[in-house]
Amino acid sequence: MALAHLVDPAISRFLDTIWVEEGLSTNTLAAYKADLVALERWLTPRGNTLTKTTRRDMLAYISVRVTAGAQPRSTARQLSSFRRFFRFLIREGVLDEDPTTQIAMPKVGRALPKSLTEDEVNALLLAPDVDTPLGYRDRSMLEVLYATGLRVSELVNLKHSEVNVNQGVIRVVGKGDRERLIPLGQEAVRWLAHFSEGPRSEILLERQTPYLFPTRRGDRMTRQAFWHAIKRYALKAGIQKALSPHSLRHSFATHLLNHGADLRVVQMLLGHSDMSTTQIYTHVASERLKELHAKHHPRG
């Protein structure tokens, strides 16, 4: 039997329910599905199913993964997915007991987000060839990303109607369908205004699309395509450190705090529902202050 045919209908019900109730992103839903399908594929050859999983099964699965080299962060994420799923089954009356009960979460040290220095950001922004329509588009995207702290998925899904260049703000619908207004700043406004007046039309020719940053095909750029573009421009800019798709988002938050922004304001701009998520940037800013002190203070 093909593995694709083994997916338990309970997984689909679970994903549909949390999507409706919480408005989770496609990427988050895909991560839940991947975790649950992985568990199901491990259970099936052993004559078991998700709806008959026991605590012993869960411990055995986790043990196999850890022995195979799974990191604590990955194990913790999977265990969190399983707990949500089994509690959903209890709520539906399918299970009487959660098999993840009394299984402790692995201790995971919270990794500090990797951000660029202000000089590195400037070098990255200068990397696209703005004499070409696509290069001008990419420069405009980088400017907006650094000016607003958007998630890459929010950037590529940004629609022309959601940008008000006259007022200098954009309207973004983020995780959980939460809407927020974010100021663009003069530099990003300047790049966006000129991009909309000329290069965008050159890219589209006669095609129409509601998305602000189109491709030559008239579609929106994918998250993966823009990530590859960032890596290419980072290489051109001579940036040696490892980047992630959120590097400019992390840089946005860190640089704001370095220049005295209030943490609550940064939380609102980033669209974090929980202040604890934003507070990790204070650690990044503190590390930067320590570096500056060590470098410039006579007794550093």
Protein backbone atom coordinates (compact mmCIF):
# COMPACT_ATOMS: atom_id res chain seq x y z
CA MET A 1 0.00 0.00 0.00
CA ALA A 2 1.37 3.46 -0.90
CA LEU A 3 2.33 5.56 2.07
CA ALA A 4 0.18 8.42 0.77
CA HIS A 5 -2.88 6.20 1.37
CA LEU A 6 -2.02 5.63 5.02
CA VAL A 7 -2.84 9.11 6.26
CA ASP A 8 -5.42 8.82 9.04
CA PRO A 9 -8.60 10.89 8.44
CA ALA A 10 -8.20 12.15 12.02
CA ILE A 11 -5.16 14.16 10.88
CA SER A 12 -7.24 15.97 8.26
CA ARG A 13 -10.00 16.71 10.79
CA PHE A 14 -7.44 18.03 13.24
CA LEU A 15 -5.77 20.30 10.66
CA ASP A 16 -9.11 21.60 9.37
CA THR A 17 -10.24 22.37 12.92
CA ILE A 18 -7.16 24.29 14.06
CA TRP A 19 -7.05 26.16 10.74
CA VAL A 20 -10.65 27.36 11.25
CA GLU A 21 -10.28 28.07 14.97
CA GLU A 22 -6.83 29.69 14.94
CA GLY A 23 -6.16 30.73 11.35
CA LEU A 24 -2.70 29.13 11.38
CA SER A 25 -0.40 29.65 8.42
CA THR A 26 0.07 27.06 5.68
CA ASN A 27 3.64 26.46 6.87
CA THR A 28 2.50 25.77 10.46
CA LEU A 29 -0.21 23.38 9.29
CA ALA A 30 2.30 21.59 7.05
CA ALA A 31 4.66 21.15 10.02
CA TYR A 32 1.86 19.59 12.13
CA LYS A 33 0.95 17.26 9.29
CA ALA A 34 4.56 16.19 8.72
CA ASP A 35 5.02 15.35 12.41
CA LEU A 36 1.81 13.32 12.59
CA VAL A 37 2.40 11.47 9.30
CA ALA A 38 5.91 10.56 10.48
CA LEU A 39 4.47 9.05 13.67
CA GLU A 40 1.76 7.23 11.72
CA ARG A 41 4.31 5.73 9.30
CA TRP A 42 6.32 4.45 12.26
CA LEU A 43 3.24 2.94 13.91
CA THR A 44 1.74 1.23 10.83
CA PRO A 45 4.34 -1.56 10.32
CA ARG A 46 3.96 -2.32 14.02
CA GLY A 47 0.23 -2.98 13.60
CA ASN A 48 -0.84 0.19 15.38
CA THR A 49 -2.70 3.41 14.55
CA LEU A 50 -2.73 6.99 15.79
CA THR A 51 -6.06 6.53 17.54
CA LYS A 52 -4.71 3.52 19.50
CA THR A 53 -1.35 5.03 20.44
CA THR A 54 -0.18 4.38 24.00
CA ARG A 55 2.35 6.12 26.20
CA ARG A 56 4.71 3.18 25.63
CA ASP A 57 4.44 3.77 21.85
CA MET A 58 5.28 7.43 22.28
CA LEU A 59 8.32 6.72 24.44
CA ALA A 60 9.55 4.11 21.96
CA TYR A 61 9.12 6.49 19.02
CA ILE A 62 10.97 9.31 20.78
CA SER A 63 13.73 6.89 21.79
CA VAL A 64 14.19 5.74 18.18
CA ARG A 65 14.38 9.34 16.95
CA VAL A 66 16.89 10.38 19.61
CA THR A 67 19.05 7.33 18.89
CA ALA A 68 18.97 8.31 15.19
CA GLY A 69 20.32 11.76 16.11
CA ALA A 70 17.23 13.95 16.51
CA GLN A 71 18.02 17.21 18.31
CA PRO A 72 16.15 18.27 21.49
CA ARG A 73 14.50 21.19 19.64
CA SER A 74 13.14 18.88 16.93
CA THR A 75 11.92 16.36 19.51
CA ALA A 76 10.22 19.08 21.55
CA ARG A 77 8.46 20.42 18.45
CA GLN A 78 7.16 16.97 17.50
CA LEU A 79 6.00 16.23 21.04
CA SER A 80 4.13 19.55 21.07
CA SER A 81 2.40 18.58 17.80
CA PHE A 82 1.42 15.19 19.21
CA ARG A 83 -0.01 16.71 22.39
CA ARG A 84 -2.23 19.09 20.46
CA PHE A 85 -3.42 16.26 18.23
CA PHE A 86 -4.21 13.80 21.02
CA ARG A 87 -6.00 16.47 23.06
CA PHE A 88 -8.09 17.15 19.96
CA LEU A 89 -8.97 13.44 19.79
CA ILE A 90 -9.97 13.50 23.47
CA ARG A 91 -12.18 16.51 22.77
CA GLU A 92 -13.78 14.58 19.89
CA GLY A 93 -14.39 11.58 22.13
CA VAL A 94 -12.05 9.34 20.13
CA LEU A 95 -9.55 8.88 22.97
CA ASP A 96 -10.02 8.75 26.74
CA GLU A 97 -6.40 9.48 27.65
CA ASP A 98 -3.56 11.52 26.18
CA PRO A 99 -0.58 9.17 25.53
CA THR A 100 1.84 12.10 25.84
CA THR A 101 0.83 12.73 29.47
CA GLN A 102 3.80 12.63 31.87
CA ILE A 103 6.31 12.67 29.00
CA ALA A 104 8.60 15.56 29.82
CA MET A 105 9.59 18.05 27.14
CA PRO A 106 13.32 18.01 26.32
CA LYS A 107 15.17 21.00 27.69
CA VAL A 108 15.88 23.34 24.82
CA GLY A 109 18.10 26.36 25.09
CA ARG A 110 16.54 29.24 23.22
CA ALA A 111 18.74 30.17 20.28
CA LEU A 112 19.34 33.86 19.75
CA PRO A 113 18.14 35.03 16.34
CA LYS A 114 20.96 35.79 13.92
CA SER A 115 20.88 39.37 12.73
CA LEU A 116 23.07 41.46 10.46
CA THR A 117 25.02 44.54 11.49
CA GLU A 118 23.85 47.86 10.09
CA ASP A 119 26.83 47.90 7.70
CA GLU A 120 25.96 44.39 6.48
CA VAL A 121 22.35 45.43 5.90
CA ASN A 122 23.53 48.41 3.86
CA ALA A 123 25.78 46.15 1.77
CA LEU A 124 22.89 43.73 1.19
CA LEU A 125 20.56 46.54 0.12
CA LEU A 126 23.12 47.75 -2.40
CA ALA A 127 23.61 44.31 -3.98
CA PRO A 128 20.69 44.18 -6.50
CA ASP A 129 21.26 45.74 -9.92
CA VAL A 130 18.64 48.49 -9.88
CA ASP A 131 19.20 49.28 -13.54
CA THR A 132 17.05 46.24 -14.36
CA PRO A 133 13.32 45.92 -13.51
CA LEU A 134 13.84 42.69 -11.56
CA GLY A 135 16.82 44.14 -9.69
CA TYR A 136 14.77 47.21 -8.80
CA ARG A 137 11.99 44.94 -7.57
CA ASP A 138 14.40 42.99 -5.39
CA ARG A 139 15.92 46.17 -3.95
CA SER A 140 12.42 47.45 -3.16
CA MET A 141 11.54 44.15 -1.46
CA LEU A 142 14.70 44.27 0.66
CA GLU A 143 14.00 47.89 1.60
CA VAL A 144 10.43 47.04 2.66
CA LEU A 145 11.59 43.94 4.55
CA TYR A 146 14.17 45.88 6.56
CA ALA A 147 11.89 48.89 7.08
CA THR A 148 8.95 46.87 8.40
CA GLY A 149 10.22 43.59 9.85
CA LEU A 150 7.70 41.60 7.80
CA ARG A 151 7.90 37.84 7.61
CA VAL A 152 9.05 36.75 4.14
CA SER A 153 5.68 35.03 3.60
CA GLU A 154 3.93 38.33 4.42
CA LEU A 155 6.18 40.22 2.01
CA VAL A 156 5.61 37.98 -1.02
CA ASN A 157 1.84 37.94 -0.35
CA LEU A 158 1.66 41.74 -0.03
CA LYS A 159 -0.93 43.21 -2.40
CA HIS A 160 -0.78 46.55 -4.17
CA SER A 161 -4.02 47.60 -2.45
CA GLU A 162 -2.47 47.05 0.99
CA VAL A 163 0.17 49.75 0.49
CA ASN A 164 -0.56 53.43 1.06
CA VAL A 165 2.47 55.30 -0.20
CA ASN A 166 0.88 58.70 0.54
CA GLN A 167 0.44 57.85 4.21
CA GLY A 168 3.60 55.74 4.33
CA VAL A 169 1.99 52.63 5.80
CA ILE A 170 1.18 49.07 4.81
CA ARG A 171 -1.64 46.87 6.05
CA VAL A 172 -0.61 43.30 6.80
CA VAL A 173 -2.69 40.29 7.77
CA GLY A 174 -0.32 37.99 9.64
CA LYS A 175 -0.55 34.82 11.71
CA GLY A 176 -3.97 34.08 13.15
CA ASP A 177 -5.50 36.58 10.67
CA ARG A 178 -4.30 39.41 12.91
CA GLU A 179 -4.15 42.69 11.04
CA ARG A 180 -1.57 45.37 11.73
CA LEU A 181 -0.56 48.71 10.22
CA ILE A 182 3.19 49.24 9.84
CA PRO A 183 4.99 52.48 8.95
CA LEU A 184 7.30 52.21 5.96
CA GLY A 185 9.73 55.08 6.50
CA GLN A 186 10.85 57.57 3.88
CA GLU A 187 13.45 55.39 2.17
CA ALA A 188 11.13 52.42 1.61
CA VAL A 189 8.35 54.75 0.46
CA ARG A 190 10.69 56.29 -2.12
CA TRP A 191 11.71 52.91 -3.52
CA LEU A 192 8.13 51.59 -3.56
CA ALA A 193 6.72 54.70 -5.24
CA HIS A 194 9.25 54.53 -8.08
CA PHE A 195 8.90 50.76 -8.41
CA SER A 196 5.12 51.06 -8.81
CA GLU A 197 5.45 53.86 -11.38
CA GLY A 198 7.87 52.07 -13.72
CA PRO A 199 9.73 48.78 -13.09
CA ARG A 200 6.60 46.92 -11.92
CA SER A 201 4.83 47.66 -15.22
CA GLU A 202 7.94 46.61 -17.16
CA ILE A 203 7.90 43.25 -15.36
CA LEU A 204 4.18 42.68 -15.92
CA LEU A 205 3.90 44.14 -19.45
CA GLU A 206 0.20 43.68 -20.21
CA ARG A 207 -0.48 41.17 -17.44
CA GLN A 208 -2.45 41.99 -14.28
CA THR A 209 -1.92 40.80 -10.71
CA PRO A 210 -3.00 42.12 -7.30
CA TYR A 211 0.41 41.25 -5.81
CA LEU A 212 2.85 44.09 -5.30
CA PHE A 213 6.00 42.18 -6.25
CA PRO A 214 5.32 40.07 -9.36
CA THR A 215 7.52 37.76 -11.41
CA ARG A 216 7.94 37.84 -15.19
CA ARG A 217 5.08 35.32 -15.40
CA GLY A 218 2.72 37.71 -13.67
CA ASP A 219 2.56 35.55 -10.51
CA ARG A 220 3.62 36.49 -7.02
CA MET A 221 7.16 35.55 -6.06
CA THR A 222 7.37 32.44 -3.92
CA ARG A 223 8.92 32.45 -0.46
CA GLN A 224 11.60 30.02 -1.63
CA ALA A 225 12.52 32.11 -4.69
CA PHE A 226 13.00 35.23 -2.60
CA TRP A 227 15.10 33.30 -0.07
CA HIS A 228 17.39 32.15 -2.88
CA ALA A 229 17.64 35.78 -4.04
CA ILE A 230 18.66 36.90 -0.54
CA LYS A 231 21.42 34.28 -0.41
CA ARG A 232 22.65 35.36 -3.84
CA TYR A 233 22.75 39.02 -2.83
CA ALA A 234 24.43 38.20 0.48
CA LEU A 235 27.18 36.39 -1.42
CA LYS A 236 27.57 39.38 -3.73
CA ALA A 237 27.70 41.74 -0.72
CA GLY A 238 30.49 39.69 0.87
CA ILE A 239 28.42 38.68 3.91
CA GLN A 240 30.06 35.58 5.38
CA LYS A 241 27.70 34.69 8.23
CA ALA A 242 24.90 32.17 7.80
CA LEU A 243 21.57 33.76 7.03
CA SER A 244 17.98 32.64 7.42
CA PRO A 245 14.87 33.89 5.59
CA HIS A 246 14.14 35.97 8.71
CA SER A 247 17.58 37.59 9.01
CA LEU A 248 16.31 41.03 7.95
CA ARG A 249 13.30 40.67 10.28
CA HIS A 250 15.67 39.91 13.15
CA SER A 251 17.90 42.82 12.11
CA PHE A 252 14.90 45.15 12.02
CA ALA A 253 13.96 44.30 15.61
CA THR A 254 17.52 44.33 16.96
CA HIS A 255 18.45 47.65 15.35
CA LEU A 256 15.27 49.28 16.62
CA LEU A 257 16.08 48.22 20.18
CA ASN A 258 19.72 49.28 19.77
CA HIS A 259 18.48 52.75 18.88
CA GLY A 260 16.14 52.99 21.87
CA ALA A 261 12.78 51.67 20.64
CA ASP A 262 10.28 50.47 23.23
CA LEU A 263 9.89 46.68 23.39
CA ARG A 264 6.09 46.93 23.26
CA VAL A 265 6.30 48.92 20.02
CA VAL A 266 8.61 46.30 18.49
CA GLN A 267 6.16 43.59 19.56
CA MET A 268 3.31 45.37 17.76
CA LEU A 269 5.36 45.94 14.60
CA LEU A 270 6.46 42.31 14.44
CA GLY A 271 2.93 41.03 15.06
CA HIS A 272 3.88 38.89 18.07
CA SER A 273 0.90 37.88 20.19
CA ASP A 274 3.14 37.11 23.18
CA MET A 275 5.69 39.55 24.60
CA SER A 276 7.99 36.66 25.54
CA THR A 277 8.60 36.04 21.84
CA THR A 278 9.80 39.61 21.40
CA GLN A 279 11.90 39.67 24.56
CA ILE A 280 14.54 37.44 23.01
CA TYR A 281 15.66 40.48 21.00
CA THR A 282 16.62 42.26 24.21
CA HIS A 283 19.26 39.54 24.69
CA VAL A 284 20.59 40.23 21.19
CA ALA A 285 20.74 43.95 21.91
CA SER A 286 22.46 43.29 25.24
CA GLU A 287 25.12 41.16 23.55
CA ARG A 288 25.76 43.98 21.09
CA LEU A 289 26.12 46.47 23.95
CA LYS A 290 28.64 44.16 25.64
CA GLU A 291 30.67 43.99 22.42
CA LEU A 292 30.66 47.77 22.08
CA HIS A 293 31.67 48.21 25.71
CA ALA A 294 34.52 45.70 25.39
CA LYS A 295 35.73 47.35 22.21
CA HIS A 296 35.52 51.02 23.17
CA HIS A 297 35.74 51.29 26.97
CA PRO A 298 39.33 51.84 28.24
CA ARG A 299 38.82 49.05 30.80
CA GLY A 300 36.64 46.87 28.57
